[in-house]
C-alpha atoms as a PDB file:
ATOM      1  CA  MET A   1       0.329  73.683 -33.868  1.00  0.00           C
ATOM      2  CA  SER A   2      -2.639  72.616 -31.803  1.00  0.00           C
ATOM      3  CA  ASN A   3      -4.857  72.785 -34.818  1.00  0.00           C
ATOM      4  CA  VAL A   4      -2.695  70.266 -36.627  1.00  0.00           C
ATOM      5  CA  LEU A   5      -2.915  67.855 -33.676  1.00  0.00           C
ATOM      6  CA  LEU A   6      -6.719  68.319 -33.497  1.00  0.00           C
ATOM      7  CA  GLU A   7      -7.013  67.659 -37.309  1.00  0.00           C
ATOM      8  CA  GLU A   8      -4.887  64.514 -36.912  1.00  0.00           C
ATOM      9  CA  LYS A   9      -6.958  63.211 -34.031  1.00  0.00           C
ATOM     10  CA  ALA A  10     -10.140  63.880 -35.978  1.00  0.00           C
ATOM     11  CA  GLN A  11      -8.731  62.071 -39.060  1.00  0.00           C
ATOM     12  CA  ILE A  12      -7.870  59.045 -36.859  1.00  0.00           C
ATOM     13  CA  SER A  13     -11.368  59.130 -35.312  1.00  0.00           C
ATOM     14  CA  VAL A  14     -13.027  59.200 -38.745  1.00  0.00           C
ATOM     15  CA  GLU A  15     -10.839  56.255 -39.955  1.00  0.00           C
ATOM     16  CA  LEU A  16     -11.481  54.365 -36.732  1.00  0.00           C
ATOM     17  CA  ILE A  17     -15.311  54.799 -37.188  1.00  0.00           C
ATOM     18  CA  ILE A  18     -15.043  53.593 -40.802  1.00  0.00           C
ATOM     19  CA  VAL A  19     -13.087  50.543 -39.726  1.00  0.00           C
ATOM     20  CA  LEU A  20     -15.524  49.777 -36.893  1.00  0.00           C
ATOM     21  CA  ALA A  21     -18.465  50.125 -39.273  1.00  0.00           C
ATOM     22  CA  ALA A  22     -16.849  47.642 -41.675  1.00  0.00           C
ATOM     23  CA  VAL A  23     -16.232  45.208 -38.868  1.00  0.00           C
ATOM     24  CA  VAL A  24     -19.855  45.453 -37.660  1.00  0.00           C
ATOM     25  CA  ALA A  25     -21.126  44.810 -41.223  1.00  0.00           C
ATOM     26  CA  VAL A  26     -18.969  41.745 -41.633  1.00  0.00           C
ATOM     27  CA  VAL A  27     -20.137  40.461 -38.111  1.00  0.00           C
ATOM     28  CA  LEU A  28     -23.686  40.968 -39.104  1.00  0.00           C
ATOM     29  CA  VAL A  29     -23.271  39.070 -42.428  1.00  0.00           C
ATOM     30  CA  LEU A  30     -21.579  36.239 -40.458  1.00  0.00           C
ATOM     31  CA  VAL A  31     -24.339  36.064 -37.909  1.00  0.00           C
ATOM     32  CA  SER A  32     -27.096  35.891 -40.576  1.00  0.00           C
ATOM     33  CA  GLN A  33     -25.162  33.247 -42.481  1.00  0.00           C
ATOM     34  CA  LEU A  34     -24.844  31.195 -39.281  1.00  0.00           C
ATOM     35  CA  GLN A  35     -28.501  31.564 -38.521  1.00  0.00           C
ATOM     36  CA  ALA A  36     -29.456  30.352 -41.900  1.00  0.00           C
ATOM     37  CA  THR A  37     -27.030  27.340 -41.634  1.00  0.00           C
ATOM     38  CA  SER A  38     -28.230  26.392 -38.202  1.00  0.00           C
ATOM     39  CA  SER A  39     -31.830  26.477 -39.452  1.00  0.00           C
ATOM     40  CA  GLN A  40     -31.031  24.173 -42.346  1.00  0.00           C
ATOM     41  CA  GLY A  41     -28.985  21.929 -39.968  1.00  0.00           C
ATOM     42  CA  ALA A  42     -32.059  21.674 -37.531  1.00  0.00           C
ATOM     43  CA  GLN A  43     -34.401  20.773 -40.434  1.00  0.00           C
ATOM     44  CA  LYS A  44     -32.064  18.016 -41.550  1.00  0.00           C
ATOM     45  CA  LEU A  45     -31.491  16.711 -38.056  1.00  0.00           C
ATOM     46  CA  GLU A  46     -35.346  16.592 -37.426  1.00  0.00           C
ATOM     47  CA  LYS A  47     -35.803  14.697 -40.676  1.00  0.00           C
ATOM     48  CA  THR A  48     -33.031  12.228 -39.804  1.00  0.00           C
ATOM     49  CA  ALA A  49     -34.425  11.677 -36.291  1.00  0.00           C
ATOM     50  CA  GLY A  50     -37.912  10.998 -37.840  1.00  0.00           C
ATOM     51  CA  ASP A  51     -36.452   8.487 -40.248  1.00  0.00           C
ATOM     52  CA  VAL A  52     -34.607   6.765 -37.340  1.00  0.00           C
ATOM     53  CA  PHE A  53     -37.717   6.521 -35.231  1.00  0.00           C
ATOM     54  CA  LYS A  54     -39.701   5.141 -38.196  1.00  0.00           C
ATOM     55  CA  LYS A  55     -37.097   2.306 -38.623  1.00  0.00           C
ATOM     56  CA  ILE A  56     -37.224   1.642 -34.957  1.00  0.00           C
ATOM     57  CA  ASP A  57     -40.998   1.340 -35.091  1.00  0.00           C
ATOM     58  CA  ASP A  58     -40.631  -1.117 -38.043  1.00  0.00           C
ATOM     59  CA  ILE A  59     -38.441  -3.303 -35.843  1.00  0.00           C
END
């Protein structure tokens, strides 16, 4: 009887590890996407700020 319980606990642990690994993989993908997006946003913001300062200088 105790072997059955140990096997069930082992099965749950393996499934939990698989689920956690999948969650970590998804989080890593999301973080890398957010980093790429923020980098692009920073570049656009820098360009826009430069354009605004040029227009101010023209005034």
